[in-house]
Amino acid sequence: MDAGYKANVLVVDDDRDIVKAISTLLEREGYNIFKAYDGMQALEVIAEKDIQLLLIDVMMPNMDGLSAIMRIRQNKNIPIIVLSAKTEDTDKVMGLSVGADDYIAKPYNPMELVARVKSSLRRYLHLGTFNGDSSEAEKKNVITIGGLQLFLDDKRLLVDGENVKLTATEFKILELLMRHPGRVFSAEDIYSNVWNEDGYAVENTVMVHIRHIREKVEINPKEPRYVKVVWGLGYKIEEVIK
């Protein structure tokens, strides 16, 4: 992608103050911003303009955000981030199930919102598809979960299309978790698999490595999307819905 390229982002919310605040925030990051205030207006803008990313609220007049997403997904594969005051898990699942790629709850953290926009656009523009599939991934021995791509042959990790450096131990831990998405590994299980010896009182050792991995792969390590703690049991890699 050309260094001077400016992605077109559409911000949709019936609260004009929110649209203005998000637009100002993203304009400072160098994006071209288009605005709409309900689902119908969003469809009109997308039909007329070359939009690369959509930020959209759920509850709006004329046409709500979920209905608009379903219409857009009929012929567009652009990344869509739902921005809504609805924070219940069922609402998040509904947004993802109709075609959204990510979900940010109001009130939003400006730094996190910018980070999510950047990572979504990197996957879409650099890799050619938002799902993170690429010819490189198909040719190599690679494990892909959400925006994480772990290349086993040359021992490297891509996070949202960008290379991230891991230590040998971090790589082995992440490989173990990514090979078994959803499975919970105790600290002792991880230690014995990675260090190849029995582990006793190894919780702190494993915890430090998990913390370092989170700092490298998560947008917000305190609210991880991938590497999760199952309290009292251990750790797992989440099967992220894309």
C-alpha atoms as a PDB file:
ATOM      1  CA  MET A   1       0.000   0.000   0.000  1.00  0.00           C
ATOM      2  CA  ASP A   2       1.374   3.449  -0.914  1.00  0.00           C
ATOM      3  CA  ALA A   3       2.687   5.469   2.029  1.00  0.00           C
ATOM      4  CA  GLY A   4       0.494   8.404   1.037  1.00  0.00           C
ATOM      5  CA  TYR A   5      -2.647   6.319   0.708  1.00  0.00           C
ATOM      6  CA  LYS A   6      -5.628   7.444   2.798  1.00  0.00           C
ATOM      7  CA  ALA A   7      -8.259   4.831   3.517  1.00  0.00           C
ATOM      8  CA  ASN A   8     -11.910   5.841   3.323  1.00  0.00           C
ATOM      9  CA  VAL A   9     -13.779   5.205   6.581  1.00  0.00           C
ATOM     10  CA  LEU A  10     -17.541   5.573   7.002  1.00  0.00           C
ATOM     11  CA  VAL A  11     -18.786   6.487  10.501  1.00  0.00           C
ATOM     12  CA  VAL A  12     -22.488   5.837  11.151  1.00  0.00           C
ATOM     13  CA  ASP A  13     -24.412   6.842  14.290  1.00  0.00           C
ATOM     14  CA  ASP A  14     -27.634   8.755  14.910  1.00  0.00           C
ATOM     15  CA  ASP A  15     -25.813  10.732  17.621  1.00  0.00           C
ATOM     16  CA  ARG A  16     -24.145  13.506  15.638  1.00  0.00           C
ATOM     17  CA  ASP A  17     -21.801  14.356  18.499  1.00  0.00           C
ATOM     18  CA  ILE A  18     -20.429  10.824  18.461  1.00  0.00           C
ATOM     19  CA  VAL A  19     -19.983  10.914  14.689  1.00  0.00           C
ATOM     20  CA  LYS A  20     -18.148  14.213  15.001  1.00  0.00           C
ATOM     21  CA  ALA A  21     -15.879  12.963  17.807  1.00  0.00           C
ATOM     22  CA  ILE A  22     -14.942   9.736  16.024  1.00  0.00           C
ATOM     23  CA  SER A  23     -14.461  11.559  12.727  1.00  0.00           C
ATOM     24  CA  THR A  24     -12.100  14.068  14.329  1.00  0.00           C
ATOM     25  CA  LEU A  25     -10.173  11.245  16.017  1.00  0.00           C
ATOM     26  CA  LEU A  26      -9.712   9.280  12.800  1.00  0.00           C
ATOM     27  CA  GLU A  27      -8.989  12.325  10.641  1.00  0.00           C
ATOM     28  CA  ARG A  28      -6.024  13.008  12.907  1.00  0.00           C
ATOM     29  CA  GLU A  29      -4.794   9.526  12.019  1.00  0.00           C
ATOM     30  CA  GLY A  30      -4.909  10.426   8.328  1.00  0.00           C
ATOM     31  CA  TYR A  31      -8.120   8.732   7.211  1.00  0.00           C
ATOM     32  CA  ASN A  32     -10.715  10.164   4.827  1.00  0.00           C
ATOM     33  CA  ILE A  33     -13.981  10.233   6.770  1.00  0.00           C
ATOM     34  CA  PHE A  34     -17.501   9.905   5.427  1.00  0.00           C
ATOM     35  CA  LYS A  35     -20.525  10.351   7.689  1.00  0.00           C
ATOM     36  CA  ALA A  36     -24.039   8.926   7.905  1.00  0.00           C
ATOM     37  CA  TYR A  37     -26.722   9.042  10.593  1.00  0.00           C
ATOM     38  CA  ASP A  38     -28.803   5.929   9.939  1.00  0.00           C
ATOM     39  CA  GLY A  39     -28.606   2.648   8.067  1.00  0.00           C
ATOM     40  CA  MET A  40     -30.244   3.945   4.903  1.00  0.00           C
ATOM     41  CA  GLN A  41     -27.752   6.808   4.601  1.00  0.00           C
ATOM     42  CA  ALA A  42     -24.922   4.319   5.171  1.00  0.00           C
ATOM     43  CA  LEU A  43     -26.097   2.197   2.235  1.00  0.00           C
ATOM     44  CA  GLU A  44     -26.267   5.276   0.015  1.00  0.00           C
ATOM     45  CA  VAL A  45     -22.709   6.333   0.880  1.00  0.00           C
ATOM     46  CA  ILE A  46     -21.321   2.833   0.316  1.00  0.00           C
ATOM     47  CA  ALA A  47     -23.077   2.655  -3.059  1.00  0.00           C
ATOM     48  CA  GLU A  48     -21.475   5.942  -4.153  1.00  0.00           C
ATOM     49  CA  LYS A  49     -18.056   5.901  -2.499  1.00  0.00           C
ATOM     50  CA  ASP A  50     -15.156   3.459  -2.299  1.00  0.00           C
ATOM     51  CA  ILE A  51     -15.356   2.737   1.444  1.00  0.00           C
ATOM     52  CA  GLN A  52     -12.651   0.527   2.986  1.00  0.00           C
ATOM     53  CA  LEU A  53     -13.989   0.312   6.567  1.00  0.00           C
ATOM     54  CA  LEU A  54     -17.329   0.857   8.296  1.00  0.00           C
ATOM     55  CA  LEU A  55     -17.882   1.893  11.916  1.00  0.00           C
ATOM     56  CA  ILE A  56     -21.597   1.571  12.664  1.00  0.00           C
ATOM     57  CA  ASP A  57     -23.971   1.873  15.618  1.00  0.00           C
ATOM     58  CA  VAL A  58     -26.740  -0.680  16.198  1.00  0.00           C
ATOM     59  CA  MET A  59     -29.775   1.297  17.414  1.00  0.00           C
ATOM     60  CA  MET A  60     -30.699   3.892  14.760  1.00  0.00           C
ATOM     61  CA  PRO A  61     -33.900   5.167  13.092  1.00  0.00           C
ATOM     62  CA  ASN A  62     -35.043   4.308   9.542  1.00  0.00           C
ATOM     63  CA  MET A  63     -32.727   1.282   9.356  1.00  0.00           C
ATOM     64  CA  ASP A  64     -30.798  -0.154  12.291  1.00  0.00           C
ATOM     65  CA  GLY A  65     -27.162  -1.136  12.105  1.00  0.00           C
ATOM     66  CA  LEU A  66     -27.707  -4.895  11.997  1.00  0.00           C
ATOM     67  CA  SER A  67     -30.093  -4.612   9.039  1.00  0.00           C
ATOM     68  CA  ALA A  68     -27.631  -2.356   7.241  1.00  0.00           C
ATOM     69  CA  ILE A  69     -24.791  -4.827   7.829  1.00  0.00           C
ATOM     70  CA  MET A  70     -26.833  -7.674   6.353  1.00  0.00           C
ATOM     71  CA  ARG A  71     -27.539  -5.581   3.249  1.00  0.00           C
ATOM     72  CA  ILE A  72     -23.895  -4.542   2.889  1.00  0.00           C
ATOM     73  CA  ARG A  73     -22.649  -8.106   3.249  1.00  0.00           C
ATOM     74  CA  GLN A  74     -24.637  -9.147   0.192  1.00  0.00           C
ATOM     75  CA  ASN A  75     -21.936  -7.686  -2.050  1.00  0.00           C
ATOM     76  CA  LYS A  76     -19.221  -6.084   0.089  1.00  0.00           C
ATOM     77  CA  ASN A  77     -16.396  -7.700   2.066  1.00  0.00           C
ATOM     78  CA  ILE A  78     -15.112  -4.534   3.759  1.00  0.00           C
ATOM     79  CA  PRO A  79     -14.265  -4.748   7.483  1.00  0.00           C
ATOM     80  CA  ILE A  80     -17.169  -3.697   9.700  1.00  0.00           C
ATOM     81  CA  ILE A  81     -16.805  -2.673  13.336  1.00  0.00           C
ATOM     82  CA  VAL A  82     -19.980  -2.383  15.410  1.00  0.00           C
ATOM     83  CA  LEU A  83     -19.924   0.478  17.911  1.00  0.00           C
ATOM     84  CA  SER A  84     -22.795   0.217  20.369  1.00  0.00           C
ATOM     85  CA  ALA A  85     -23.903   0.793  23.941  1.00  0.00           C
ATOM     86  CA  LYS A  86     -25.213  -2.761  23.976  1.00  0.00           C
ATOM     87  CA  THR A  87     -22.646  -4.776  25.908  1.00  0.00           C
ATOM     88  CA  GLU A  88     -24.432  -8.082  26.509  1.00  0.00           C
ATOM     89  CA  ASP A  89     -22.715 -11.124  24.997  1.00  0.00           C
ATOM     90  CA  THR A  90     -25.879 -11.986  23.050  1.00  0.00           C
ATOM     91  CA  ASP A  91     -25.784  -8.576  21.365  1.00  0.00           C
ATOM     92  CA  LYS A  92     -22.133  -9.023  20.448  1.00  0.00           C
ATOM     93  CA  VAL A  93     -22.829 -12.455  18.988  1.00  0.00           C
ATOM     94  CA  MET A  94     -25.763 -11.047  17.006  1.00  0.00           C
ATOM     95  CA  GLY A  95     -23.566  -8.349  15.500  1.00  0.00           C
ATOM     96  CA  LEU A  96     -20.875 -10.851  14.549  1.00  0.00           C
ATOM     97  CA  SER A  97     -23.393 -13.363  13.225  1.00  0.00           C
ATOM     98  CA  VAL A  98     -24.880 -10.926  10.709  1.00  0.00           C
ATOM     99  CA  GLY A  99     -21.477 -10.036   9.305  1.00  0.00           C
ATOM    100  CA  ALA A 100     -19.627  -7.630  11.595  1.00  0.00           C
ATOM    101  CA  ASP A 101     -15.930  -8.341  12.076  1.00  0.00           C
ATOM    102  CA  ASP A 102     -15.372  -6.641  15.409  1.00  0.00           C
ATOM    103  CA  TYR A 103     -17.308  -5.048  18.275  1.00  0.00           C
ATOM    104  CA  ILE A 104     -16.491  -2.045  20.462  1.00  0.00           C
ATOM    105  CA  ALA A 105     -18.751  -1.076  23.342  1.00  0.00           C
ATOM    106  CA  LYS A 106     -19.624   2.491  24.279  1.00  0.00           C
ATOM    107  CA  PRO A 107     -18.202   4.386  25.995  1.00  0.00           C
ATOM    108  CA  TYR A 108     -15.217   3.553  23.829  1.00  0.00           C
ATOM    109  CA  ASN A 109     -11.532   4.021  24.581  1.00  0.00           C
ATOM    110  CA  PRO A 110     -10.183   6.324  21.814  1.00  0.00           C
ATOM    111  CA  MET A 111      -6.790   4.577  21.676  1.00  0.00           C
ATOM    112  CA  GLU A 112      -8.419   1.169  21.434  1.00  0.00           C
ATOM    113  CA  LEU A 113     -10.813   2.350  18.724  1.00  0.00           C
ATOM    114  CA  VAL A 114      -7.922   3.678  16.632  1.00  0.00           C
ATOM    115  CA  ALA A 115      -5.972   0.449  17.167  1.00  0.00           C
ATOM    116  CA  ARG A 116      -8.921  -1.679  16.065  1.00  0.00           C
ATOM    117  CA  VAL A 117      -9.411   0.448  12.949  1.00  0.00           C
ATOM    118  CA  LYS A 118      -5.725   0.196  12.052  1.00  0.00           C
ATOM    119  CA  SER A 119      -5.564  -3.568  12.545  1.00  0.00           C
ATOM    120  CA  SER A 120      -8.751  -4.133  10.550  1.00  0.00           C
ATOM    121  CA  LEU A 121      -7.474  -2.044   7.658  1.00  0.00           C
ATOM    122  CA  ARG A 122      -4.076  -3.794   7.699  1.00  0.00           C
ATOM    123  CA  ARG A 123      -5.760  -7.163   7.269  1.00  0.00           C
ATOM    124  CA  TYR A 124      -8.066  -5.887   4.548  1.00  0.00           C
ATOM    125  CA  LEU A 125      -5.634  -3.753   2.534  1.00  0.00           C
ATOM    126  CA  HIS A 126      -2.297  -5.512   3.039  1.00  0.00           C
ATOM    127  CA  LEU A 127      -3.468  -9.100   2.813  1.00  0.00           C
ATOM    128  CA  GLY A 128      -6.156  -8.536   0.222  1.00  0.00           C
ATOM    129  CA  THR A 129      -8.901 -10.093   2.335  1.00  0.00           C
ATOM    130  CA  PHE A 130     -10.200  -9.339   5.800  1.00  0.00           C
ATOM    131  CA  ASN A 131     -10.175 -12.994   6.800  1.00  0.00           C
ATOM    132  CA  GLY A 132      -6.406 -12.960   6.759  1.00  0.00           C
ATOM    133  CA  ASP A 133      -6.003 -15.617   4.066  1.00  0.00           C
ATOM    134  CA  SER A 134      -3.091 -15.136   1.683  1.00  0.00           C
ATOM    135  CA  SER A 135      -1.163 -17.081  -0.900  1.00  0.00           C
ATOM    136  CA  GLU A 136       1.781 -17.042   1.506  1.00  0.00           C
ATOM    137  CA  ALA A 137      -0.331 -18.699   4.193  1.00  0.00           C
ATOM    138  CA  GLU A 138      -1.532 -21.352   1.767  1.00  0.00           C
ATOM    139  CA  LYS A 139       1.988 -22.250   0.667  1.00  0.00           C
ATOM    140  CA  LYS A 140       3.513 -22.577   4.120  1.00  0.00           C
ATOM    141  CA  ASN A 141       2.844 -24.676   7.201  1.00  0.00           C
ATOM    142  CA  VAL A 142       0.778 -22.102   9.066  1.00  0.00           C
ATOM    143  CA  ILE A 143      -1.826 -22.009  11.846  1.00  0.00           C
ATOM    144  CA  THR A 144      -4.351 -19.183  11.536  1.00  0.00           C
ATOM    145  CA  ILE A 145      -6.733 -18.009  14.253  1.00  0.00           C
ATOM    146  CA  GLY A 146      -8.450 -14.661  13.710  1.00  0.00           C
ATOM    147  CA  GLY A 147      -5.723 -12.121  12.972  1.00  0.00           C
ATOM    148  CA  LEU A 148      -2.943 -14.434  14.193  1.00  0.00           C
ATOM    149  CA  GLN A 149      -0.858 -16.390  11.685  1.00  0.00           C
ATOM    150  CA  LEU A 150       1.844 -18.656  13.112  1.00  0.00           C
ATOM    151  CA  PHE A 151       4.326 -19.841  10.458  1.00  0.00           C
ATOM    152  CA  LEU A 152       5.817 -23.086  11.711  1.00  0.00           C
ATOM    153  CA  ASP A 153       8.487 -23.533   9.026  1.00  0.00           C
ATOM    154  CA  ASP A 154      10.295 -20.241   9.570  1.00  0.00           C
ATOM    155  CA  LYS A 155       9.203 -19.702  13.192  1.00  0.00           C
ATOM    156  CA  ARG A 156       7.484 -16.351  12.881  1.00  0.00           C
ATOM    157  CA  LEU A 157       4.208 -14.726  13.809  1.00  0.00           C
ATOM    158  CA  LEU A 158       2.022 -12.259  11.944  1.00  0.00           C
ATOM    159  CA  VAL A 159      -0.483 -10.251  13.975  1.00  0.00           C
ATOM    160  CA  ASP A 160      -2.973  -8.485  11.701  1.00  0.00           C
ATOM    161  CA  GLY A 161      -0.446  -8.713   8.875  1.00  0.00           C
ATOM    162  CA  GLU A 162       2.533  -7.389  10.813  1.00  0.00           C
ATOM    163  CA  ASN A 163       5.570  -9.375  11.944  1.00  0.00           C
ATOM    164  CA  VAL A 164       5.831  -9.774  15.723  1.00  0.00           C
ATOM    165  CA  LYS A 165       9.003 -11.072  17.346  1.00  0.00           C
ATOM    166  CA  LEU A 166       8.656 -13.932  19.814  1.00  0.00           C
ATOM    167  CA  THR A 167      11.235 -15.664  21.957  1.00  0.00           C
ATOM    168  CA  ALA A 168      11.668 -19.391  21.335  1.00  0.00           C
ATOM    169  CA  THR A 169       9.712 -20.183  24.505  1.00  0.00           C
ATOM    170  CA  GLU A 170       6.904 -17.775  23.628  1.00  0.00           C
ATOM    171  CA  PHE A 171       6.676 -19.325  20.173  1.00  0.00           C
ATOM    172  CA  LYS A 172       6.376 -22.840  21.608  1.00  0.00           C
ATOM    173  CA  ILE A 173       3.680 -21.805  24.071  1.00  0.00           C
ATOM    174  CA  LEU A 174       1.667 -20.021  21.391  1.00  0.00           C
ATOM    175  CA  GLU A 175       2.069 -22.967  19.025  1.00  0.00           C
ATOM    176  CA  LEU A 176       0.752 -25.338  21.696  1.00  0.00           C
ATOM    177  CA  LEU A 177      -2.316 -23.179  22.334  1.00  0.00           C
ATOM    178  CA  MET A 178      -3.021 -22.452  18.662  1.00  0.00           C
ATOM    179  CA  ARG A 179      -2.802 -26.117  17.709  1.00  0.00           C
ATOM    180  CA  HIS A 180      -5.646 -26.783  20.148  1.00  0.00           C
ATOM    181  CA  PRO A 181      -8.025 -23.781  20.051  1.00  0.00           C
ATOM    182  CA  GLY A 182     -10.549 -23.797  22.861  1.00  0.00           C
ATOM    183  CA  ARG A 183      -8.664 -26.412  24.892  1.00  0.00           C
ATOM    184  CA  VAL A 184      -7.598 -25.372  28.398  1.00  0.00           C
ATOM    185  CA  PHE A 185      -4.005 -26.136  29.399  1.00  0.00           C
ATOM    186  CA  SER A 186      -2.902 -25.936  33.023  1.00  0.00           C
ATOM    187  CA  ALA A 187       0.399 -24.245  33.839  1.00  0.00           C
ATOM    188  CA  GLU A 188       1.841 -27.693  34.475  1.00  0.00           C
ATOM    189  CA  ASP A 189       0.594 -28.939  31.088  1.00  0.00           C
ATOM    190  CA  ILE A 190       2.196 -25.994  29.306  1.00  0.00           C
ATOM    191  CA  TYR A 191       5.453 -26.391  31.203  1.00  0.00           C
ATOM    192  CA  SER A 192       5.762 -30.094  30.491  1.00  0.00           C
ATOM    193  CA  ASN A 193       4.961 -29.619  26.789  1.00  0.00           C
ATOM    194  CA  VAL A 194       7.251 -26.638  26.229  1.00  0.00           C
ATOM    195  CA  TRP A 195      10.128 -27.319  28.633  1.00  0.00           C
ATOM    196  CA  ASN A 196       9.876 -31.106  28.134  1.00  0.00           C
ATOM    197  CA  GLU A 197      10.071 -31.853  31.845  1.00  0.00           C
ATOM    198  CA  ASP A 198       7.611 -32.274  34.673  1.00  0.00           C
ATOM    199  CA  GLY A 199       6.419 -29.000  36.151  1.00  0.00           C
ATOM    200  CA  TYR A 200       5.851 -28.355  39.848  1.00  0.00           C
ATOM    201  CA  ALA A 201       4.994 -24.905  41.233  1.00  0.00           C
ATOM    202  CA  VAL A 202       5.495 -23.430  37.761  1.00  0.00           C
ATOM    203  CA  GLU A 203       2.464 -21.103  37.722  1.00  0.00           C
ATOM    204  CA  ASN A 204       4.510 -17.904  38.021  1.00  0.00           C
ATOM    205  CA  THR A 205       6.963 -18.969  35.316  1.00  0.00           C
ATOM    206  CA  VAL A 206       4.212 -19.758  32.823  1.00  0.00           C
ATOM    207  CA  MET A 207       2.197 -16.684  33.834  1.00  0.00           C
ATOM    208  CA  VAL A 208       5.093 -14.345  32.973  1.00  0.00           C
ATOM    209  CA  HIS A 209       5.440 -15.867  29.500  1.00  0.00           C
ATOM    210  CA  ILE A 210       1.682 -15.669  28.928  1.00  0.00           C
ATOM    211  CA  ARG A 211       1.746 -12.001  29.935  1.00  0.00           C
ATOM    212  CA  HIS A 212       4.529 -11.295  27.441  1.00  0.00           C
ATOM    213  CA  ILE A 213       2.655 -13.105  24.679  1.00  0.00           C
ATOM    214  CA  ARG A 214      -0.480 -11.080  25.417  1.00  0.00           C
ATOM    215  CA  GLU A 215       1.493  -7.836  25.238  1.00  0.00           C
ATOM    216  CA  LYS A 216       2.589  -8.806  21.737  1.00  0.00           C
ATOM    217  CA  VAL A 217      -0.612 -10.198  20.237  1.00  0.00           C
ATOM    218  CA  GLU A 218      -3.443  -8.295  21.931  1.00  0.00           C
ATOM    219  CA  ILE A 219      -4.659  -4.780  21.159  1.00  0.00           C
ATOM    220  CA  ASN A 220      -5.616  -4.450  24.818  1.00  0.00           C
ATOM    221  CA  PRO A 221      -3.770  -7.052  26.952  1.00  0.00           C
ATOM    222  CA  LYS A 222      -6.109  -6.350  29.881  1.00  0.00           C
ATOM    223  CA  GLU A 223      -9.104  -7.368  27.744  1.00  0.00           C
ATOM    224  CA  PRO A 224      -7.615 -10.120  25.561  1.00  0.00           C
ATOM    225  CA  ARG A 225      -9.403 -11.479  22.540  1.00  0.00           C
ATOM    226  CA  TYR A 226      -7.107 -14.451  21.983  1.00  0.00           C
ATOM    227  CA  VAL A 227      -5.104 -15.685  24.980  1.00  0.00           C
ATOM    228  CA  LYS A 228      -7.585 -16.241  27.799  1.00  0.00           C
ATOM    229  CA  VAL A 229      -7.247 -17.246  31.455  1.00  0.00           C
ATOM    230  CA  VAL A 230      -9.703 -19.858  32.698  1.00  0.00           C
ATOM    231  CA  TRP A 231      -9.556 -19.118  36.390  1.00  0.00           C
ATOM    232  CA  GLY A 232      -8.435 -22.044  38.518  1.00  0.00           C
ATOM    233  CA  LEU A 233      -7.787 -24.201  35.449  1.00  0.00           C
ATOM    234  CA  GLY A 234      -5.253 -22.648  33.105  1.00  0.00           C
ATOM    235  CA  TYR A 235      -4.994 -20.966  29.710  1.00  0.00           C
ATOM    236  CA  LYS A 236      -6.465 -21.303  26.247  1.00  0.00           C
ATOM    237  CA  ILE A 237      -6.482 -19.618  22.866  1.00  0.00           C
ATOM    238  CA  GLU A 238      -9.929 -18.329  21.929  1.00  0.00           C
ATOM    239  CA  GLU A 239     -11.518 -19.328  18.624  1.00  0.00           C
ATOM    240  CA  VAL A 240     -12.172 -15.767  17.445  1.00  0.00           C
ATOM    241  CA  ILE A 241     -15.194 -15.321  15.152  1.00  0.00           C
ATOM    242  CA  LYS A 242     -14.254 -13.466  11.982  1.00  0.00           C
END
